[in-house]
Amino acid sequence: MPKKKKSGGGVLRTLILIICIGVFCFSAYELIKIFLEYNEGAQEYHKIEQYTNEPVESGSSEFSVDYEGLRAINDEIVGWIRVPDTTINYPIMQTGNNDYYLSYTFERNTNIAGSIFMDYRNAADFSDRNTIIYGHHIKNGKMFADLRHYTDEDFYKKHPIIYLNTPGEGNVEYEIFSFYLTGNYRSTYGETYTYQFADDQAYQEYLNMITSQSQYDTGVEVSVDDSIITLSTCTNRTDDERYIVHAKKIS
């Protein structure tokens, strides 16, 4: 008895099935690859935490950093940032552009986690009136992902201080005075990310602008006598949207 020939519809269904299986396998591969990169990045940063010492005194926020040891691995480190009871506990890097550390870790390994890094235009010693620090919003909750929690005012009240350690000053505290989302990162880049100012008036106008944009009133006053830091991370909702945290130096 002669075999029946496959109909055109049967061939098409088989082809669609093969394509679907291929797409599924590729998607699974990409997800596994991303998961492995997340894990590798987390392990690397956990490993270099050994170069910092936890506070010795009970209730103290001060910590020390072995910059000599860290510079032997990567001499572009300019400081360390920490927010207690969050995952933010990382070295701060700086190089000649704002692209490199988007995809390279502290140990210069290619990784989607990248690094926490200072704007290349800023003075490495944090002497500018506004020092800008960037980090990814990683879906596993690492890097600057916890900045998203500042949308909740109660979270802010529990975490109002950002702790930095720098080679020149040691432990430095910054008090948050403004948090908001930028609706269009690219169009506001020249405003939100201003780091130098022509005079006190220009700086005061900038401080007024970023304070008025805050999602809630922190009650923290800031003036031209203050130096500040700006933390920035993406929201992962649109390409241009960013979470912004501004904090002033208090010690």
Protein backbone atom coordinates (compact mmCIF):
# COMPACT_ATOMS: atom_id res chain seq x y z
CA MET A 1 0.00 0.00 0.00
CA PRO A 2 1.65 3.33 -1.02
CA LYS A 3 2.59 5.75 1.78
CA LYS A 4 0.54 8.87 2.08
CA LYS A 5 2.37 12.05 1.22
CA LYS A 6 2.48 14.70 3.91
CA SER A 7 0.10 17.50 3.21
CA GLY A 8 1.36 21.06 2.91
CA GLY A 9 -0.32 21.85 6.22
CA GLY A 10 1.54 19.01 7.95
CA VAL A 11 4.91 20.21 6.69
CA LEU A 12 4.12 23.75 7.83
CA ARG A 13 3.13 22.54 11.29
CA THR A 14 6.36 20.55 11.58
CA LEU A 15 8.39 23.57 10.50
CA ILE A 16 6.63 25.82 13.03
CA LEU A 17 7.25 23.24 15.77
CA ILE A 18 10.95 23.09 14.93
CA ILE A 19 11.18 26.90 14.98
CA CYS A 20 9.36 27.06 18.34
CA ILE A 21 11.70 24.47 19.84
CA GLY A 22 14.67 26.42 18.52
CA VAL A 23 13.39 29.68 19.99
CA PHE A 24 12.71 27.96 23.33
CA CYS A 25 16.20 26.45 23.46
CA PHE A 26 17.83 29.77 22.57
CA SER A 27 15.77 31.63 25.18
CA ALA A 28 16.62 29.02 27.82
CA TYR A 29 20.31 29.33 26.92
CA GLU A 30 20.18 33.12 27.25
CA LEU A 31 18.40 32.93 30.61
CA ILE A 32 20.96 30.44 31.94
CA LYS A 33 23.77 32.64 30.65
CA ILE A 34 22.31 35.70 32.41
CA PHE A 35 21.82 33.74 35.64
CA LEU A 36 25.42 32.52 35.55
CA GLU A 37 26.68 36.07 34.95
CA TYR A 38 24.61 37.35 37.87
CA ASN A 39 26.08 34.64 40.06
CA GLU A 40 29.65 35.25 38.91
CA GLY A 41 29.34 38.98 39.54
CA ALA A 42 27.83 38.47 42.99
CA GLN A 43 30.60 36.03 43.95
CA GLU A 44 33.32 38.42 42.80
CA TYR A 45 31.98 41.35 44.79
CA HIS A 46 31.40 39.16 47.83
CA LYS A 47 35.03 38.05 47.60
CA ILE A 48 36.44 41.59 47.58
CA GLU A 49 34.40 42.53 50.65
CA GLN A 50 37.29 40.93 52.58
CA TYR A 51 39.20 44.16 51.86
CA THR A 52 36.81 46.07 54.13
CA ASN A 53 36.48 45.74 57.89
CA GLU A 54 33.13 45.88 59.64
CA PRO A 55 32.64 48.42 62.44
CA VAL A 56 34.40 47.37 65.63
CA GLU A 57 32.32 49.44 68.05
CA SER A 58 28.70 48.48 68.58
CA GLY A 59 26.44 50.87 66.73
CA SER A 60 29.33 52.47 64.84
CA SER A 61 28.94 53.07 61.10
CA GLU A 62 32.65 53.50 60.43
CA PHE A 63 34.54 50.92 58.42
CA SER A 64 38.02 50.67 56.96
CA VAL A 65 39.09 49.81 53.42
CA ASP A 66 42.37 48.21 52.35
CA TYR A 67 43.02 50.46 49.37
CA GLU A 68 46.55 49.16 48.91
CA GLY A 69 45.27 45.62 48.48
CA LEU A 70 42.42 46.71 46.20
CA ARG A 71 44.68 48.88 44.05
CA ALA A 72 46.89 45.87 43.45
CA ILE A 73 43.88 44.39 41.65
CA ASN A 74 42.51 47.57 40.05
CA ASP A 75 44.06 50.98 40.64
CA GLU A 76 40.96 52.85 39.40
CA ILE A 77 39.16 52.54 42.73
CA VAL A 78 38.27 55.95 44.21
CA GLY A 79 36.17 54.94 47.21
CA TRP A 80 33.66 52.56 48.75
CA ILE A 81 29.91 53.04 49.21
CA ARG A 82 27.69 51.33 51.75
CA VAL A 83 24.04 51.59 52.83
CA PRO A 84 23.41 49.37 55.90
CA ASP A 85 20.71 46.69 55.68
CA THR A 86 20.76 46.80 51.87
CA THR A 87 22.87 45.09 49.20
CA ILE A 88 24.72 48.35 48.48
CA ASN A 89 28.28 47.61 49.63
CA TYR A 90 30.69 48.16 46.74
CA PRO A 91 33.90 49.78 45.57
CA ILE A 92 33.47 52.96 43.52
CA MET A 93 35.41 53.04 40.27
CA GLN A 94 36.35 55.80 37.83
CA THR A 95 37.93 55.70 34.39
CA GLY A 96 38.14 57.98 31.35
CA ASN A 97 34.54 57.47 30.19
CA ASN A 98 31.10 56.47 31.47
CA ASP A 99 30.86 53.33 29.32
CA TYR A 100 33.58 50.93 30.45
CA TYR A 101 32.29 50.09 33.91
CA LEU A 102 28.77 49.53 32.62
CA SER A 103 29.92 46.08 31.54
CA TYR A 104 33.16 45.41 33.45
CA THR A 105 33.51 44.42 37.09
CA PHE A 106 36.09 45.56 39.63
CA GLU A 107 38.40 42.75 38.51
CA ARG A 108 37.85 43.85 34.88
CA ASN A 109 35.75 40.82 33.97
CA THR A 110 33.01 41.28 31.39
CA ASN A 111 29.72 41.02 33.25
CA ILE A 112 26.25 42.56 32.94
CA ALA A 113 26.48 43.67 36.58
CA GLY A 114 29.30 46.06 35.70
CA SER A 115 30.56 48.23 38.55
CA ILE A 116 29.49 51.13 40.71
CA PHE A 117 31.35 54.07 39.18
CA MET A 118 31.87 57.81 39.42
CA ASP A 119 31.21 60.09 36.46
CA TYR A 120 34.45 60.48 34.52
CA ARG A 121 34.06 64.28 34.63
CA ASN A 122 34.15 64.41 38.42
CA ALA A 123 37.22 64.97 40.59
CA ALA A 124 38.26 61.59 41.97
CA ASP A 125 38.64 63.04 45.48
CA PHE A 126 34.94 63.99 45.72
CA SER A 127 35.83 67.69 45.82
CA ASP A 128 33.19 68.78 43.26
CA ARG A 129 30.00 70.34 44.52
CA ASN A 130 28.09 67.43 42.99
CA THR A 131 29.71 64.01 42.61
CA ILE A 132 27.69 61.64 40.42
CA ILE A 133 27.75 57.89 41.00
CA TYR A 134 26.14 55.34 38.68
CA GLY A 135 25.20 51.68 39.05
CA HIS A 136 23.01 49.11 37.35
CA HIS A 137 19.58 48.07 38.60
CA ILE A 138 20.23 44.33 38.48
CA LYS A 139 17.22 42.03 38.57
CA ASN A 140 18.79 39.82 41.24
CA GLY A 141 18.69 42.80 43.61
CA LYS A 142 22.41 43.61 43.50
CA MET A 143 24.40 46.75 42.62
CA PHE A 144 22.09 49.83 42.85
CA ALA A 145 18.82 47.86 42.64
CA ASP A 146 17.91 48.79 46.23
CA LEU A 147 17.63 52.46 45.27
CA ARG A 148 14.18 51.59 43.97
CA HIS A 149 13.02 51.09 47.55
CA TYR A 150 13.35 54.82 48.19
CA THR A 151 10.00 55.17 46.43
CA ASP A 152 8.68 54.13 49.86
CA GLU A 153 9.07 56.99 52.33
CA ASP A 154 9.21 54.53 55.23
CA PHE A 155 12.26 52.91 53.64
CA TYR A 156 13.88 56.33 53.40
CA LYS A 157 13.21 57.00 57.08
CA LYS A 158 15.00 53.75 57.97
CA HIS A 159 17.89 54.37 55.56
CA PRO A 160 18.49 58.16 55.43
CA ILE A 161 22.30 57.98 55.47
CA ILE A 162 24.73 56.87 52.78
CA TYR A 163 28.17 55.90 54.05
CA LEU A 164 31.29 56.43 51.97
CA ASN A 165 34.92 55.69 52.60
CA THR A 166 37.54 57.49 50.51
CA PRO A 167 41.35 57.25 50.43
CA GLY A 168 41.70 60.92 51.35
CA GLU A 169 39.04 61.38 54.03
CA GLY A 170 38.27 57.94 55.37
CA ASN A 171 34.67 57.62 56.57
CA VAL A 172 32.20 60.20 55.25
CA GLU A 173 28.44 60.38 55.80
CA TYR A 174 25.86 61.78 53.38
CA GLU A 175 22.26 62.54 54.36
CA ILE A 176 19.58 62.03 51.71
CA PHE A 177 17.49 65.12 50.98
CA SER A 178 15.80 64.28 47.67
CA PHE A 179 14.56 61.22 45.77
CA TYR A 180 12.70 61.16 42.46
CA LEU A 181 12.39 59.55 39.04
CA THR A 182 13.55 61.25 35.88
CA GLY A 183 10.93 60.78 33.20
CA ASN A 184 13.39 61.32 30.38
CA TYR A 185 17.01 60.63 31.28
CA ARG A 186 18.46 61.95 28.02
CA SER A 187 16.62 65.27 27.95
CA THR A 188 17.38 66.00 31.62
CA TYR A 189 21.00 64.86 31.51
CA GLY A 190 22.34 68.39 31.41
CA GLU A 191 20.30 69.37 34.47
CA THR A 192 20.16 66.44 36.88
CA TYR A 193 23.76 65.47 36.18
CA THR A 194 25.32 68.92 36.48
CA TYR A 195 28.51 68.64 38.51
CA GLN A 196 30.09 72.10 38.27
CA PHE A 197 28.45 75.51 38.60
CA ALA A 198 29.41 79.00 37.46
CA ASP A 199 28.68 80.56 40.84
CA ASP A 200 26.70 80.18 44.07
CA GLN A 201 23.52 81.40 42.43
CA ALA A 202 23.69 78.73 39.74
CA TYR A 203 24.33 76.09 42.39
CA GLN A 204 21.44 77.32 44.54
CA GLU A 205 19.09 77.19 41.56
CA TYR A 206 20.19 73.62 40.94
CA LEU A 207 19.62 72.67 44.59
CA ASN A 208 16.18 74.27 44.50
CA MET A 209 15.31 72.30 41.37
CA ILE A 210 16.35 68.88 42.65
CA THR A 211 14.78 69.49 46.07
CA SER A 212 11.45 70.53 44.55
CA GLN A 213 11.42 67.35 42.43
CA SER A 214 11.64 65.08 45.47
CA GLN A 215 8.86 62.51 45.75
CA TYR A 216 8.43 63.46 49.42
CA ASP A 217 9.61 66.16 51.80
CA THR A 218 12.61 64.87 53.74
CA GLY A 219 12.83 68.01 55.86
CA VAL A 220 16.58 68.11 55.22
CA GLU A 221 17.86 71.57 54.31
CA VAL A 222 20.65 72.00 51.80
CA SER A 223 22.60 75.14 50.86
CA VAL A 224 25.47 76.29 48.65
CA ASP A 225 27.83 75.51 51.51
CA ASP A 226 27.05 71.80 51.10
CA SER A 227 28.67 69.34 48.75
CA ILE A 228 26.42 66.55 47.52
CA ILE A 229 26.43 63.18 45.81
CA THR A 230 23.93 62.02 43.20
CA LEU A 231 23.20 58.30 42.87
CA SER A 232 21.61 57.15 39.62
CA THR A 233 20.23 53.84 38.38
CA CYS A 234 17.76 52.75 35.72
CA THR A 235 14.20 51.72 36.63
CA ASN A 236 14.09 48.87 34.06
CA ARG A 237 10.70 50.18 32.91
CA THR A 238 11.86 52.39 30.03
CA ASP A 239 15.28 53.07 28.53
CA ASP A 240 15.32 56.69 29.70
CA GLU A 241 13.82 56.53 33.19
CA ARG A 242 16.14 56.72 36.22
CA TYR A 243 15.87 56.60 40.00
CA ILE A 244 17.78 59.55 41.46
CA VAL A 245 18.99 59.96 45.04
CA HIS A 246 20.65 63.19 46.23
CA ALA A 247 22.47 63.37 49.56
CA LYS A 248 24.53 66.08 51.25
CA LYS A 249 27.79 65.61 53.12
CA ILE A 250 27.30 65.87 56.89
CA SER A 251 30.58 64.51 58.27
